[in-house]
């Protein structure tokens, strides 16, 4: 009976509570805010001779926020890179809003979030160190 009561309590506890929404998520970690648990993403894989990895622009509908994530980068053992979220307003020029460096051999990395605002679109980019090029997703709003 004690085990059954413990199971009921554990089942009623949420895995992680959402702690921000929209612009209040800007600059915050998607994991620690609970936003990464309910995210959808668009994805581009660009294997430009530097390994097999995925660049993702992720969005949490519950948090109404975006962030960039790269997975599988550990296979690129000889060069680092920077992942970023770029934003633009009404299709005018863009600026980098969030970025983080990915060390060579690192399996997973992601940026902090940017809360979605009306009129803005975003994309994720991966820029290889040593001037080896940049790959980006399409623009999404």
Protein backbone atom coordinates (compact mmCIF):
# COMPACT_ATOMS: atom_id res chain seq x y z
CA UNK A 1 0.00 0.00 0.00
CA UNK A 2 2.89 2.35 0.68
CA UNK A 3 4.25 1.70 -2.80
CA UNK A 4 0.89 2.45 -4.38
CA UNK A 5 0.67 5.80 -2.58
CA UNK A 6 4.18 6.70 -3.71
CA UNK A 7 3.31 5.82 -7.30
CA UNK A 8 0.26 8.07 -7.19
CA UNK A 9 2.30 11.02 -5.94
CA UNK A 10 4.99 10.50 -8.55
CA UNK A 11 2.42 10.27 -11.35
CA UNK A 12 0.82 13.55 -10.30
CA UNK A 13 4.06 15.56 -10.41
CA UNK A 14 4.79 17.39 -13.69
CA UNK A 15 8.12 16.56 -15.33
CA UNK A 16 8.94 20.24 -15.63
CA UNK A 17 6.77 23.31 -15.28
CA UNK A 18 6.85 26.09 -17.86
CA UNK A 19 8.27 29.19 -16.16
CA UNK A 20 8.07 31.84 -18.93
CA UNK A 21 6.18 32.85 -22.05
CA UNK A 22 6.85 35.06 -25.06
CA UNK A 23 9.22 37.96 -24.51
CA UNK A 24 9.68 36.92 -20.85
CA UNK A 25 11.60 33.88 -22.19
CA UNK A 26 14.13 35.98 -24.12
CA UNK A 27 17.69 35.21 -23.01
CA UNK A 28 16.63 32.23 -20.89
CA UNK A 29 17.68 28.58 -21.08
CA UNK A 30 15.04 26.39 -22.81
CA UNK A 31 15.81 23.40 -20.55
CA UNK A 32 15.68 25.15 -17.18
CA UNK A 33 12.43 26.97 -18.09
CA UNK A 34 10.69 23.76 -19.18
CA UNK A 35 10.24 25.08 -22.73
CA UNK A 36 12.30 22.34 -24.38
CA UNK A 37 9.91 19.57 -23.27
CA UNK A 38 7.15 20.63 -25.68
CA UNK A 39 9.04 21.95 -28.68
CA UNK A 40 8.60 21.42 -32.38
CA UNK A 41 11.34 22.22 -34.85
CA UNK A 42 12.26 22.69 -38.45
CA UNK A 43 15.55 21.18 -39.38
CA UNK A 44 18.25 21.49 -41.98
CA UNK A 45 21.09 19.05 -42.32
CA UNK A 46 24.00 20.33 -44.34
CA UNK A 47 26.82 17.86 -44.63
CA UNK A 48 29.42 20.14 -46.18
CA UNK A 49 32.28 17.70 -45.65
CA UNK A 50 32.53 18.51 -41.94
CA UNK A 51 30.66 15.53 -40.50
CA UNK A 52 27.08 14.41 -39.97
CA UNK A 53 25.11 16.85 -37.80
CA UNK A 54 21.70 18.52 -37.59
CA UNK A 55 21.04 22.23 -37.20
CA UNK A 56 17.58 22.92 -35.80
CA UNK A 57 15.47 26.00 -35.29
CA UNK A 58 13.29 24.97 -32.36
CA UNK A 59 10.05 26.54 -31.21
CA UNK A 60 8.01 25.95 -28.11
CA UNK A 61 4.35 26.73 -28.72
CA UNK A 62 3.68 26.77 -24.98
CA UNK A 63 6.49 29.26 -24.35
CA UNK A 64 6.02 31.07 -27.68
CA UNK A 65 9.81 31.21 -28.11
CA UNK A 66 12.58 30.10 -30.50
CA UNK A 67 16.14 28.83 -30.08
CA UNK A 68 18.81 27.13 -32.18
CA UNK A 69 20.20 23.69 -31.46
CA UNK A 70 22.86 21.53 -33.07
CA UNK A 71 23.09 17.77 -32.51
CA UNK A 72 25.62 15.21 -33.65
CA UNK A 73 28.42 17.76 -33.80
CA UNK A 74 30.75 15.43 -31.87
CA UNK A 75 31.50 13.76 -35.19
CA UNK A 76 33.20 16.98 -36.31
CA UNK A 77 36.30 16.49 -34.20
CA UNK A 78 38.58 19.01 -35.86
CA UNK A 79 36.77 22.37 -35.96
CA UNK A 80 34.51 24.38 -33.67
CA UNK A 81 31.54 26.51 -34.72
CA UNK A 82 29.07 29.10 -33.48
CA UNK A 83 25.32 28.50 -33.51
CA UNK A 84 23.04 31.50 -33.50
CA UNK A 85 19.47 32.73 -33.80
CA UNK A 86 19.15 35.60 -36.28
CA UNK A 87 16.06 37.80 -36.32
CA UNK A 88 14.67 40.36 -38.75
CA UNK A 89 11.70 42.68 -38.70
CA UNK A 90 9.30 42.79 -41.66
CA UNK A 91 11.86 41.21 -44.02
CA UNK A 92 14.40 43.99 -43.51
CA UNK A 93 18.06 43.39 -42.58
CA UNK A 94 18.81 40.92 -39.80
CA UNK A 95 20.83 40.83 -36.60
CA UNK A 96 22.16 37.96 -34.50
CA UNK A 97 20.25 37.79 -31.24
CA UNK A 98 21.50 34.69 -29.41
CA UNK A 99 24.71 32.76 -30.07
CA UNK A 100 26.91 30.15 -28.42
CA UNK A 101 30.19 28.52 -29.41
CA UNK A 102 30.24 24.76 -30.06
CA UNK A 103 33.58 23.14 -29.27
CA UNK A 104 34.92 20.41 -31.51
CA UNK A 105 33.82 17.04 -30.16
CA UNK A 106 30.72 18.48 -28.40
CA UNK A 107 27.61 16.32 -29.02
CA UNK A 108 24.85 18.85 -28.28
CA UNK A 109 24.63 22.63 -27.96
CA UNK A 110 21.84 25.20 -28.00
CA UNK A 111 21.32 28.92 -27.63
CA UNK A 112 19.15 30.73 -25.14
CA UNK A 113 15.65 31.60 -26.31
CA UNK A 114 14.15 34.56 -28.09
CA UNK A 115 10.49 35.28 -27.37
CA UNK A 116 8.39 35.58 -30.51
CA UNK A 117 7.18 39.09 -31.37
CA UNK A 118 4.75 40.18 -34.09
CA UNK A 119 6.42 41.16 -37.35
CA UNK A 120 9.68 39.30 -36.64
CA UNK A 121 11.02 36.19 -38.34
CA UNK A 122 13.92 34.03 -37.17
CA UNK A 123 16.43 31.49 -38.48
CA UNK A 124 19.14 29.29 -36.99
CA UNK A 125 22.71 29.43 -38.33
CA UNK A 126 25.88 27.41 -37.81
CA UNK A 127 29.14 29.21 -38.65
CA UNK A 128 32.26 27.07 -38.75
CA UNK A 129 35.47 28.39 -37.20
CA UNK A 130 38.45 29.22 -39.39
CA UNK A 131 36.23 30.77 -42.08
CA UNK A 132 34.93 27.40 -43.30
CA UNK A 133 31.45 28.71 -44.08
CA UNK A 134 27.97 29.19 -42.63
CA UNK A 135 24.77 27.15 -42.97
CA UNK A 136 21.32 28.49 -42.01
CA UNK A 137 17.73 27.27 -41.85
CA UNK A 138 15.06 29.19 -43.72
CA UNK A 139 13.32 32.16 -42.11
CA UNK A 140 10.26 31.36 -39.94
CA UNK A 141 7.76 33.55 -38.15
